[in-house]
Amino acid sequence: MSVADLLQKLPAALNAEAAAGTDAVIQFNSSQPHYVTIKGGSATVTAGSASSPDVTLTMEDDDLIALMKGELNGMTAFMTGKLQLDGDLMLAQRISGLFDPAKLV
């Protein structure tokens, strides 16, 4: 599965309860940059770069896929240099809870 394929599954994997009240743009920078807009309990994925994302995650493709599937711990990835973050770090910590990894396979 490519990063683009995985990211396109994010709207269906959104945990609406966890995303309640969230209004944010998350930029994923990998070989195929995409951003996710979460608003009103739903998510949309757009290819490319957002003009002003709330948080930006920069990772290698395999690491991003593992992170979103719950196979790679975000804190471990950050501490080992596999994940670079820019922006709202509190939002970044919530990402794993916003999406159901079981729906990303």
PDB file of N, CA and C in Angstrom:
ATOM      1  N   MET A   1       0.851  -1.183   0.000  1.00  0.00           N
ATOM      2  CA  MET A   1       0.000   0.000   0.000  1.00  0.00           C
ATOM      3  C   MET A   1       0.895   1.245   0.000  1.00  0.00           C
ATOM      4  N   SER A   2       0.565   2.204  -0.849  1.00  0.00           N
ATOM      5  CA  SER A   2       1.325   3.442  -0.897  1.00  0.00           C
ATOM      6  C   SER A   2       0.819   4.412   0.170  1.00  0.00           C
ATOM      7  N   VAL A   3       1.615   5.439   0.437  1.00  0.00           N
ATOM      8  CA  VAL A   3       1.201   6.470   1.386  1.00  0.00           C
ATOM      9  C   VAL A   3      -0.091   7.125   0.907  1.00  0.00           C
ATOM     10  N   ALA A   4      -0.185   7.413  -0.378  1.00  0.00           N
ATOM     11  CA  ALA A   4      -1.395   8.050  -0.915  1.00  0.00           C
ATOM     12  C   ALA A   4      -2.618   7.174  -0.686  1.00  0.00           C
ATOM     13  N   ASP A   5      -2.478   5.860  -0.906  1.00  0.00           N
ATOM     14  CA  ASP A   5      -3.594   4.933  -0.682  1.00  0.00           C
ATOM     15  C   ASP A   5      -4.024   4.961   0.779  1.00  0.00           C
ATOM     16  N   LEU A   6      -3.054   4.922   1.674  1.00  0.00           N
ATOM     17  CA  LEU A   6      -3.348   4.921   3.109  1.00  0.00           C
ATOM     18  C   LEU A   6      -4.035   6.224   3.513  1.00  0.00           C
ATOM     19  N   LEU A   7      -3.497   7.348   3.079  1.00  0.00           N
ATOM     20  CA  LEU A   7      -4.061   8.636   3.469  1.00  0.00           C
ATOM     21  C   LEU A   7      -5.470   8.824   2.917  1.00  0.00           C
ATOM     22  N   GLN A   8      -5.765   8.247   1.764  1.00  0.00           N
ATOM     23  CA  GLN A   8      -7.117   8.347   1.202  1.00  0.00           C
ATOM     24  C   GLN A   8      -8.143   7.596   2.057  1.00  0.00           C
ATOM     25  N   LYS A   9      -7.670   6.677   2.892  1.00  0.00           N
ATOM     26  CA  LYS A   9      -8.571   5.917   3.764  1.00  0.00           C
ATOM     27  C   LYS A   9      -8.872   6.655   5.069  1.00  0.00           C
ATOM     28  N   LEU A  10      -8.162   7.745   5.354  1.00  0.00           N
ATOM     29  CA  LEU A  10      -8.335   8.435   6.629  1.00  0.00           C
ATOM     30  C   LEU A  10      -9.759   8.930   6.893  1.00  0.00           C
ATOM     31  N   PRO A  11     -10.483   9.497   5.913  1.00  0.00           N
ATOM     32  CA  PRO A  11     -11.843   9.939   6.234  1.00  0.00           C
ATOM     33  C   PRO A  11     -12.728   8.817   6.779  1.00  0.00           C
ATOM     34  N   ALA A  12     -12.620   7.614   6.217  1.00  0.00           N
ATOM     35  CA  ALA A  12     -13.432   6.489   6.685  1.00  0.00           C
ATOM     36  C   ALA A  12     -12.941   5.962   8.026  1.00  0.00           C
ATOM     37  N   ALA A  13     -11.692   6.249   8.368  1.00  0.00           N
ATOM     38  CA  ALA A  13     -11.117   5.758   9.619  1.00  0.00           C
ATOM     39  C   ALA A  13     -11.238   6.777  10.753  1.00  0.00           C
ATOM     40  N   LEU A  14     -11.793   7.948  10.462  1.00  0.00           N
ATOM     41  CA  LEU A  14     -11.908   8.994  11.482  1.00  0.00           C
ATOM     42  C   LEU A  14     -12.803   8.538  12.628  1.00  0.00           C
ATOM     43  N   ASN A  15     -12.323   8.729  13.832  1.00  0.00           N
ATOM     44  CA  ASN A  15     -13.107   8.457  15.033  1.00  0.00           C
ATOM     45  C   ASN A  15     -13.860   9.754  15.346  1.00  0.00           C
ATOM     46  N   ALA A  16     -15.117   9.819  14.929  1.00  0.00           N
ATOM     47  CA  ALA A  16     -15.899  11.053  15.042  1.00  0.00           C
ATOM     48  C   ALA A  16     -16.001  11.530  16.486  1.00  0.00           C
ATOM     49  N   GLU A  17     -16.087  10.599  17.414  1.00  0.00           N
ATOM     50  CA  GLU A  17     -16.183  10.971  18.827  1.00  0.00           C
ATOM     51  C   GLU A  17     -14.904  11.663  19.287  1.00  0.00           C
ATOM     52  N   ALA A  18     -13.755  11.098  18.926  1.00  0.00           N
ATOM     53  CA  ALA A  18     -12.471  11.692  19.303  1.00  0.00           C
ATOM     54  C   ALA A  18     -12.228  13.014  18.579  1.00  0.00           C
ATOM     55  N   ALA A  19     -12.788  13.150  17.380  1.00  0.00           N
ATOM     56  CA  ALA A  19     -12.576  14.355  16.581  1.00  0.00           C
ATOM     57  C   ALA A  19     -13.587  15.457  16.881  1.00  0.00           C
ATOM     58  N   ALA A  20     -14.569  15.181  17.753  1.00  0.00           N
ATOM     59  CA  ALA A  20     -15.592  16.172  18.072  1.00  0.00           C
ATOM     60  C   ALA A  20     -14.929  17.464  18.549  1.00  0.00           C
ATOM     61  N   GLY A  21     -15.321  18.577  17.951  1.00  0.00           N
ATOM     62  CA  GLY A  21     -14.785  19.876  18.322  1.00  0.00           C
ATOM     63  C   GLY A  21     -13.428  20.197  17.709  1.00  0.00           C
ATOM     64  N   THR A  22     -12.877  19.275  16.944  1.00  0.00           N
ATOM     65  CA  THR A  22     -11.567  19.500  16.319  1.00  0.00           C
ATOM     66  C   THR A  22     -11.747  20.212  14.985  1.00  0.00           C
ATOM     67  N   ASP A  23     -11.008  21.270  14.811  1.00  0.00           N
ATOM     68  CA  ASP A  23     -10.994  22.029  13.561  1.00  0.00           C
ATOM     69  C   ASP A  23      -9.520  22.239  13.245  1.00  0.00           C
ATOM     70  N   ALA A  24      -8.965  21.364  12.395  1.00  0.00           N
ATOM     71  CA  ALA A  24      -7.519  21.378  12.192  1.00  0.00           C
ATOM     72  C   ALA A  24      -7.132  20.894  10.810  1.00  0.00           C
ATOM     73  N   VAL A  25      -5.937  21.307  10.400  1.00  0.00           N
ATOM     74  CA  VAL A  25      -5.344  20.836   9.156  1.00  0.00           C
ATOM     75  C   VAL A  25      -4.017  20.170   9.512  1.00  0.00           C
ATOM     76  N   ILE A  26      -3.890  18.902   9.119  1.00  0.00           N
ATOM     77  CA  ILE A  26      -2.687  18.121   9.395  1.00  0.00           C
ATOM     78  C   ILE A  26      -1.985  17.847   8.073  1.00  0.00           C
ATOM     79  N   GLN A  27      -0.753  18.317   7.958  1.00  0.00           N
ATOM     80  CA  GLN A  27       0.045  18.113   6.751  1.00  0.00           C
ATOM     81  C   GLN A  27       0.930  16.884   6.938  1.00  0.00           C
ATOM     82  N   PHE A  28       0.880  15.973   5.975  1.00  0.00           N
ATOM     83  CA  PHE A  28       1.753  14.802   5.966  1.00  0.00           C
ATOM     84  C   PHE A  28       2.748  14.973   4.829  1.00  0.00           C
ATOM     85  N   ASN A  29       4.023  15.182   5.159  1.00  0.00           N
ATOM     86  CA  ASN A  29       5.058  15.313   4.146  1.00  0.00           C
ATOM     87  C   ASN A  29       5.810  13.997   4.033  1.00  0.00           C
ATOM     88  N   SER A  30       5.661  13.372   2.889  1.00  0.00           N
ATOM     89  CA  SER A  30       6.366  12.129   2.568  1.00  0.00           C
ATOM     90  C   SER A  30       6.683  12.225   1.078  1.00  0.00           C
ATOM     91  N   SER A  31       6.853  11.106   0.400  1.00  0.00           N
ATOM     92  CA  SER A  31       7.142  11.173  -1.034  1.00  0.00           C
ATOM     93  C   SER A  31       5.959  11.760  -1.811  1.00  0.00           C
ATOM     94  N   GLN A  32       4.755  11.643  -1.237  1.00  0.00           N
ATOM     95  CA  GLN A  32       3.542  12.181  -1.856  1.00  0.00           C
ATOM     96  C   GLN A  32       2.807  13.024  -0.812  1.00  0.00           C
ATOM     97  N   PRO A  33       3.138  14.306  -0.675  1.00  0.00           N
ATOM     98  CA  PRO A  33       2.507  15.133   0.362  1.00  0.00           C
ATOM     99  C   PRO A  33       0.987  15.217   0.212  1.00  0.00           C
ATOM    100  N   HIS A  34       0.327  15.122   1.351  1.00  0.00           N
ATOM    101  CA  HIS A  34      -1.129  15.260   1.434  1.00  0.00           C
ATOM    102  C   HIS A  34      -1.444  15.998   2.729  1.00  0.00           C
ATOM    103  N   TYR A  35      -2.634  16.561   2.784  1.00  0.00           N
ATOM    104  CA  TYR A  35      -3.079  17.119   4.056  1.00  0.00           C
ATOM    105  C   TYR A  35      -4.514  16.703   4.323  1.00  0.00           C
ATOM    106  N   VAL A  36      -4.811  16.612   5.621  1.00  0.00           N
ATOM    107  CA  VAL A  36      -6.129  16.194   6.073  1.00  0.00           C
ATOM    108  C   VAL A  36      -6.761  17.375   6.791  1.00  0.00           C
ATOM    109  N   THR A  37      -7.972  17.706   6.390  1.00  0.00           N
ATOM    110  CA  THR A  37      -8.729  18.760   7.056  1.00  0.00           C
ATOM    111  C   THR A  37      -9.808  18.087   7.895  1.00  0.00           C
ATOM    112  N   ILE A  38      -9.777  18.347   9.182  1.00  0.00           N
ATOM    113  CA  ILE A  38     -10.785  17.790  10.097  1.00  0.00           C
ATOM    114  C   ILE A  38     -11.655  18.953  10.565  1.00  0.00           C
ATOM    115  N   LYS A  39     -12.949  18.829  10.303  1.00  0.00           N
ATOM    116  CA  LYS A  39     -13.885  19.887  10.678  1.00  0.00           C
ATOM    117  C   LYS A  39     -15.285  19.301  10.735  1.00  0.00           C
ATOM    118  N   GLY A  40     -16.024  19.666  11.742  1.00  0.00           N
ATOM    119  CA  GLY A  40     -17.412  19.225  11.850  1.00  0.00           C
ATOM    120  C   GLY A  40     -17.569  17.723  11.972  1.00  0.00           C
ATOM    121  N   GLY A  41     -16.589  17.052  12.576  1.00  0.00           N
ATOM    122  CA  GLY A  41     -16.685  15.614  12.779  1.00  0.00           C
ATOM    123  C   GLY A  41     -16.404  14.786  11.540  1.00  0.00           C
ATOM    124  N   SER A  42     -15.862  15.414  10.491  1.00  0.00           N
ATOM    125  CA  SER A  42     -15.499  14.650   9.299  1.00  0.00           C
ATOM    126  C   SER A  42     -14.113  15.090   8.829  1.00  0.00           C
ATOM    127  N   ALA A  43     -13.559  14.289   7.933  1.00  0.00           N
ATOM    128  CA  ALA A  43     -12.215  14.567   7.429  1.00  0.00           C
ATOM    129  C   ALA A  43     -12.201  14.500   5.913  1.00  0.00           C
ATOM    130  N   THR A  44     -11.387  15.350   5.311  1.00  0.00           N
ATOM    131  CA  THR A  44     -11.161  15.297   3.874  1.00  0.00           C
ATOM    132  C   THR A  44      -9.654  15.270   3.636  1.00  0.00           C
ATOM    133  N   VAL A  45      -9.241  14.554   2.616  1.00  0.00           N
ATOM    134  CA  VAL A  45      -7.827  14.427   2.270  1.00  0.00           C
ATOM    135  C   VAL A  45      -7.602  15.111   0.926  1.00  0.00           C
ATOM    136  N   THR A  46      -6.534  15.898   0.865  1.00  0.00           N
ATOM    137  CA  THR A  46      -6.197  16.615  -0.365  1.00  0.00           C
ATOM    138  C   THR A  46      -4.721  16.399  -0.672  1.00  0.00           C
ATOM    139  N   ALA A  47      -4.420  16.098  -1.914  1.00  0.00           N
ATOM    140  CA  ALA A  47      -3.022  15.946  -2.326  1.00  0.00           C
ATOM    141  C   ALA A  47      -2.362  17.318  -2.360  1.00  0.00           C
ATOM    142  N   GLY A  48      -1.076  17.349  -2.012  1.00  0.00           N
ATOM    143  CA  GLY A  48      -0.333  18.600  -2.061  1.00  0.00           C
ATOM    144  C   GLY A  48      -0.055  19.147  -0.683  1.00  0.00           C
ATOM    145  N   SER A  49       0.228  20.436  -0.626  1.00  0.00           N
ATOM    146  CA  SER A  49       0.594  21.090   0.627  1.00  0.00           C
ATOM    147  C   SER A  49      -0.440  22.136   1.005  1.00  0.00           C
ATOM    148  N   ALA A  50      -0.811  22.135   2.284  1.00  0.00           N
ATOM    149  CA  ALA A  50      -1.757  23.125   2.798  1.00  0.00           C
ATOM    150  C   ALA A  50      -1.039  24.461   2.965  1.00  0.00           C
ATOM    151  N   SER A  51      -1.776  25.555   2.796  1.00  0.00           N
ATOM    152  CA  SER A  51      -1.159  26.875   2.911  1.00  0.00           C
ATOM    153  C   SER A  51      -0.731  27.194   4.338  1.00  0.00           C
ATOM    154  N   SER A  52      -1.503  26.768   5.324  1.00  0.00           N
ATOM    155  CA  SER A  52      -1.126  27.031   6.717  1.00  0.00           C
ATOM    156  C   SER A  52      -1.647  25.910   7.619  1.00  0.00           C
ATOM    157  N   PRO A  53      -0.974  24.755   7.587  1.00  0.00           N
ATOM    158  CA  PRO A  53      -1.416  23.631   8.425  1.00  0.00           C
ATOM    159  C   PRO A  53      -1.201  23.912   9.905  1.00  0.00           C
ATOM    160  N   ASP A  54      -2.008  23.261  10.738  1.00  0.00           N
ATOM    161  CA  ASP A  54      -1.839  23.398  12.189  1.00  0.00           C
ATOM    162  C   ASP A  54      -0.627  22.611  12.671  1.00  0.00           C
ATOM    163  N   VAL A  55      -0.386  21.469  12.031  1.00  0.00           N
ATOM    164  CA  VAL A  55       0.789  20.663  12.368  1.00  0.00           C
ATOM    165  C   VAL A  55       1.267  19.963  11.095  1.00  0.00           C
ATOM    166  N   THR A  56       2.578  19.809  10.992  1.00  0.00           N
ATOM    167  CA  THR A  56       3.179  19.130   9.848  1.00  0.00           C
ATOM    168  C   THR A  56       4.017  17.965  10.342  1.00  0.00           C
ATOM    169  N   LEU A  57       3.756  16.779   9.783  1.00  0.00           N
ATOM    170  CA  LEU A  57       4.545  15.586  10.080  1.00  0.00           C
ATOM    171  C   LEU A  57       5.368  15.262   8.853  1.00  0.00           C
ATOM    172  N   THR A  58       6.668  15.120   9.028  1.00  0.00           N
ATOM    173  CA  THR A  58       7.558  14.769   7.927  1.00  0.00           C
ATOM    174  C   THR A  58       8.202  13.432   8.250  1.00  0.00           C
ATOM    175  N   MET A  59       7.983  12.446   7.364  1.00  0.00           N
ATOM    176  CA  MET A  59       8.464  11.086   7.595  1.00  0.00           C
ATOM    177  C   MET A  59       8.724  10.383   6.271  1.00  0.00           C
ATOM    178  N   GLU A  60       9.522   9.316   6.356  1.00  0.00           N
ATOM    179  CA  GLU A  60       9.675   8.404   5.225  1.00  0.00           C
ATOM    180  C   GLU A  60       8.352   7.658   5.043  1.00  0.00           C
ATOM    181  N   ASP A  61       8.060   7.213   3.829  1.00  0.00           N
ATOM    182  CA  ASP A  61       6.792   6.540   3.536  1.00  0.00           C
ATOM    183  C   ASP A  61       6.514   5.352   4.451  1.00  0.00           C
ATOM    184  N   ASP A  62       7.487   4.441   4.568  1.00  0.00           N
ATOM    185  CA  ASP A  62       7.269   3.235   5.371  1.00  0.00           C
ATOM    186  C   ASP A  62       6.988   3.579   6.828  1.00  0.00           C
ATOM    187  N   ASP A  63       7.675   4.589   7.350  1.00  0.00           N
ATOM    188  CA  ASP A  63       7.475   4.987   8.744  1.00  0.00           C
ATOM    189  C   ASP A  63       6.106   5.624   8.942  1.00  0.00           C
ATOM    190  N   LEU A  64       5.656   6.428   7.978  1.00  0.00           N
ATOM    191  CA  LEU A  64       4.338   7.053   8.083  1.00  0.00           C
ATOM    192  C   LEU A  64       3.235   5.999   8.042  1.00  0.00           C
ATOM    193  N   ILE A  65       3.382   5.032   7.167  1.00  0.00           N
ATOM    194  CA  ILE A  65       2.403   3.943   7.091  1.00  0.00           C
ATOM    195  C   ILE A  65       2.367   3.177   8.411  1.00  0.00           C
ATOM    196  N   ALA A  66       3.535   2.854   8.956  1.00  0.00           N
ATOM    197  CA  ALA A  66       3.604   2.124  10.230  1.00  0.00           C
ATOM    198  C   ALA A  66       3.003   2.957  11.362  1.00  0.00           C
ATOM    199  N   LEU A  67       3.254   4.249  11.377  1.00  0.00           N
ATOM    200  CA  LEU A  67       2.706   5.124  12.413  1.00  0.00           C
ATOM    201  C   LEU A  67       1.182   5.133  12.360  1.00  0.00           C
ATOM    202  N   MET A  68       0.624   5.317  11.174  1.00  0.00           N
ATOM    203  CA  MET A  68      -0.829   5.414  11.053  1.00  0.00           C
ATOM    204  C   MET A  68      -1.523   4.086  11.310  1.00  0.00           C
ATOM    205  N   LYS A  69      -0.822   2.968  11.069  1.00  0.00           N
ATOM    206  CA  LYS A  69      -1.396   1.648  11.334  1.00  0.00           C
ATOM    207  C   LYS A  69      -1.216   1.231  12.794  1.00  0.00           C
ATOM    208  N   GLY A  70      -0.545   2.057  13.588  1.00  0.00           N
ATOM    209  CA  GLY A  70      -0.335   1.737  14.992  1.00  0.00           C
ATOM    210  C   GLY A  70       0.829   0.791  15.226  1.00  0.00           C
ATOM    211  N   GLU A  71       1.657   0.592  14.210  1.00  0.00           N
ATOM    212  CA  GLU A  71       2.797  -0.309  14.323  1.00  0.00           C
ATOM    213  C   GLU A  71       4.053   0.418  14.797  1.00  0.00           C
ATOM    214  N   LEU A  72       4.040   1.743  14.763  1.00  0.00           N
ATOM    215  CA  LEU A  72       5.170   2.568  15.191  1.00  0.00           C
ATOM    216  C   LEU A  72       4.644   3.606  16.166  1.00  0.00           C
ATOM    217  N   ASN A  73       5.241   3.668  17.335  1.00  0.00           N
ATOM    218  CA  ASN A  73       4.846   4.631  18.356  1.00  0.00           C
ATOM    219  C   ASN A  73       5.327   6.024  17.948  1.00  0.00           C
ATOM    220  N   GLY A  74       4.443   7.005  18.016  1.00  0.00           N
ATOM    221  CA  GLY A  74       4.773   8.360  17.602  1.00  0.00           C
ATOM    222  C   GLY A  74       5.905   8.976  18.411  1.00  0.00           C
ATOM    223  N   MET A  75       5.887   8.773  19.724  1.00  0.00           N
ATOM    224  CA  MET A  75       6.941   9.335  20.571  1.00  0.00           C
ATOM    225  C   MET A  75       8.283   8.692  20.246  1.00  0.00           C
ATOM    226  N   THR A  76       8.279   7.381  20.044  1.00  0.00           N
ATOM    227  CA  THR A  76       9.505   6.679  19.669  1.00  0.00           C
ATOM    228  C   THR A  76      10.025   7.193  18.335  1.00  0.00           C
ATOM    229  N   ALA A  77       9.127   7.358  17.369  1.00  0.00           N
ATOM    230  CA  ALA A  77       9.517   7.863  16.056  1.00  0.00           C
ATOM    231  C   ALA A  77      10.124   9.253  16.174  1.00  0.00           C
ATOM    232  N   PHE A  78       9.530  10.100  17.004  1.00  0.00           N
ATOM    233  CA  PHE A  78      10.034  11.458  17.184  1.00  0.00           C
ATOM    234  C   PHE A  78      11.411  11.440  17.857  1.00  0.00           C
ATOM    235  N   MET A  79      11.542  10.643  18.909  1.00  0.00           N
ATOM    236  CA  MET A  79      12.795  10.601  19.673  1.00  0.00           C
ATOM    237  C   MET A  79      13.942   9.983  18.869  1.00  0.00           C
ATOM    238  N   THR A  80      13.632   9.126  17.913  1.00  0.00           N
ATOM    239  CA  THR A  80      14.677   8.482  17.113  1.00  0.00           C
ATOM    240  C   THR A  80      14.930   9.209  15.789  1.00  0.00           C
ATOM    241  N   GLY A  81      14.238  10.317  15.575  1.00  0.00           N
ATOM    242  CA  GLY A  81      14.465  11.113  14.379  1.00  0.00           C
ATOM    243  C   GLY A  81      13.706  10.652  13.146  1.00  0.00           C
ATOM    244  N   LYS A  82      12.840   9.659  13.294  1.00  0.00           N
ATOM    245  CA  LYS A  82      12.053   9.189  12.146  1.00  0.00           C
ATOM    246  C   LYS A  82      10.887  10.126  11.839  1.00  0.00           C
ATOM    247  N   LEU A  83      10.529  10.950  12.811  1.00  0.00           N
ATOM    248  CA  LEU A  83       9.398  11.872  12.672  1.00  0.00           C
ATOM    249  C   LEU A  83       9.861  13.275  13.025  1.00  0.00           C
ATOM    250  N   GLN A  84       9.642  14.200  12.112  1.00  0.00           N
ATOM    251  CA  GLN A  84       9.894  15.608  12.392  1.00  0.00           C
ATOM    252  C   GLN A  84       8.537  16.302  12.453  1.00  0.00           C
ATOM    253  N   LEU A  85       8.371  17.119  13.491  1.00  0.00           N
ATOM    254  CA  LEU A  85       7.106  17.820  13.709  1.00  0.00           C
ATOM    255  C   LEU A  85       7.322  19.322  13.634  1.00  0.00           C
ATOM    256  N   ASP A  86       6.322  20.014  13.117  1.00  0.00           N
ATOM    257  CA  ASP A  86       6.336  21.463  13.099  1.00  0.00           C
ATOM    258  C   ASP A  86       4.912  21.925  13.357  1.00  0.00           C
ATOM    259  N   GLY A  87       4.734  22.777  14.352  1.00  0.00           N
ATOM    260  CA  GLY A  87       3.393  23.294  14.629  1.00  0.00           C
ATOM    261  C   GLY A  87       2.867  22.828  15.975  1.00  0.00           C
ATOM    262  N   ASP A  88       1.578  22.548  16.025  1.00  0.00           N
ATOM    263  CA  ASP A  88       0.853  22.211  17.249  1.00  0.00           C
ATOM    264  C   ASP A  88       1.202  20.794  17.722  1.00  0.00           C
ATOM    265  N   LEU A  89       2.101  20.718  18.694  1.00  0.00           N
ATOM    266  CA  LEU A  89       2.544  19.413  19.180  1.00  0.00           C
ATOM    267  C   LEU A  89       1.436  18.670  19.927  1.00  0.00           C
ATOM    268  N   MET A  90       0.543  19.395  20.565  1.00  0.00           N
ATOM    269  CA  MET A  90      -0.574  18.743  21.256  1.00  0.00           C
ATOM    270  C   MET A  90      -1.501  18.059  20.240  1.00  0.00           C
ATOM    271  N   LEU A  91      -1.731  18.698  19.130  1.00  0.00           N
ATOM    272  CA  LEU A  91      -2.537  18.094  18.064  1.00  0.00           C
ATOM    273  C   LEU A  91      -1.823  16.853  17.526  1.00  0.00           C
ATOM    274  N   ALA A  92      -0.522  16.947  17.346  1.00  0.00           N
ATOM    275  CA  ALA A  92       0.254  15.807  16.843  1.00  0.00           C
ATOM    276  C   ALA A  92       0.092  14.596  17.759  1.00  0.00           C
ATOM    277  N   GLN A  93       0.072  14.831  19.063  1.00  0.00           N
ATOM    278  CA  GLN A  93      -0.085  13.727  20.016  1.00  0.00           C
ATOM    279  C   GLN A  93      -1.462  13.091  19.926  1.00  0.00           C
ATOM    280  N   ARG A  94      -2.452  13.819  19.451  1.00  0.00           N
ATOM    281  CA  ARG A  94      -3.822  13.305  19.351  1.00  0.00           C
ATOM    282  C   ARG A  94      -4.081  12.516  18.069  1.00  0.00           C
ATOM    283  N   ILE A  95      -3.199  12.611  17.080  1.00  0.00           N
ATOM    284  CA  ILE A  95      -3.462  12.022  15.767  1.00  0.00           C
ATOM    285  C   ILE A  95      -3.777  10.533  15.851  1.00  0.00           C
ATOM    286  N   SER A  96      -3.016   9.795  16.642  1.00  0.00           N
ATOM    287  CA  SER A  96      -3.254   8.345  16.715  1.00  0.00           C
ATOM    288  C   SER A  96      -4.647   8.021  17.247  1.00  0.00           C
ATOM    289  N   GLY A  97      -5.200   8.870  18.094  1.00  0.00           N
ATOM    290  CA  GLY A  97      -6.538   8.651  18.619  1.00  0.00           C
ATOM    291  C   GLY A  97      -7.647   9.124  17.698  1.00  0.00           C
ATOM    292  N   LEU A  98      -7.291   9.948  16.718  1.00  0.00           N
ATOM    293  CA  LEU A  98      -8.304  10.483  15.804  1.00  0.00           C
ATOM    294  C   LEU A  98      -8.704   9.499  14.718  1.00  0.00           C
ATOM    295  N   PHE A  99      -7.818   8.535  14.436  1.00  0.00           N
ATOM    296  CA  PHE A  99      -8.067   7.586  13.353  1.00  0.00           C
ATOM    297  C   PHE A  99      -7.961   6.158  13.864  1.00  0.00           C
ATOM    298  N   ASP A 100      -8.847   5.292  13.395  1.00  0.00           N
ATOM    299  CA  ASP A 100      -8.866   3.879  13.788  1.00  0.00           C
ATOM    300  C   ASP A 100      -7.909   3.110  12.884  1.00  0.00           C
ATOM    301  N   PRO A 101      -6.776   2.625  13.447  1.00  0.00           N
ATOM    302  CA  PRO A 101      -5.803   1.930  12.606  1.00  0.00           C
ATOM    303  C   PRO A 101      -6.366   0.663  11.946  1.00  0.00           C
ATOM    304  N   ALA A 102      -7.361   0.040  12.558  1.00  0.00           N
ATOM    305  CA  ALA A 102      -7.950  -1.178  11.996  1.00  0.00           C
ATOM    306  C   ALA A 102      -8.637  -0.906  10.650  1.00  0.00           C
ATOM    307  N   LYS A 103      -9.033   0.344  10.429  1.00  0.00           N
ATOM    308  CA  LYS A 103      -9.711   0.694   9.177  1.00  0.00           C
ATOM    309  C   LYS A 103      -8.736   1.159   8.097  1.00  0.00           C
ATOM    310  N   LEU A 104      -7.440   1.072   8.391  1.00  0.00           N
ATOM    311  CA  LEU A 104      -6.433   1.523   7.442  1.00  0.00           C
ATOM    312  C   LEU A 104      -5.694   0.375   6.775  1.00  0.00           C
ATOM    313  N   VAL A 105      -6.167  -0.847   6.969  1.00  0.00           N
ATOM    314  CA  VAL A 105      -5.468  -2.005   6.376  1.00  0.00           C
ATOM    315  C   VAL A 105      -6.038  -2.342   5.009  1.00  0.00           C
TER     316      VAL A 105
END
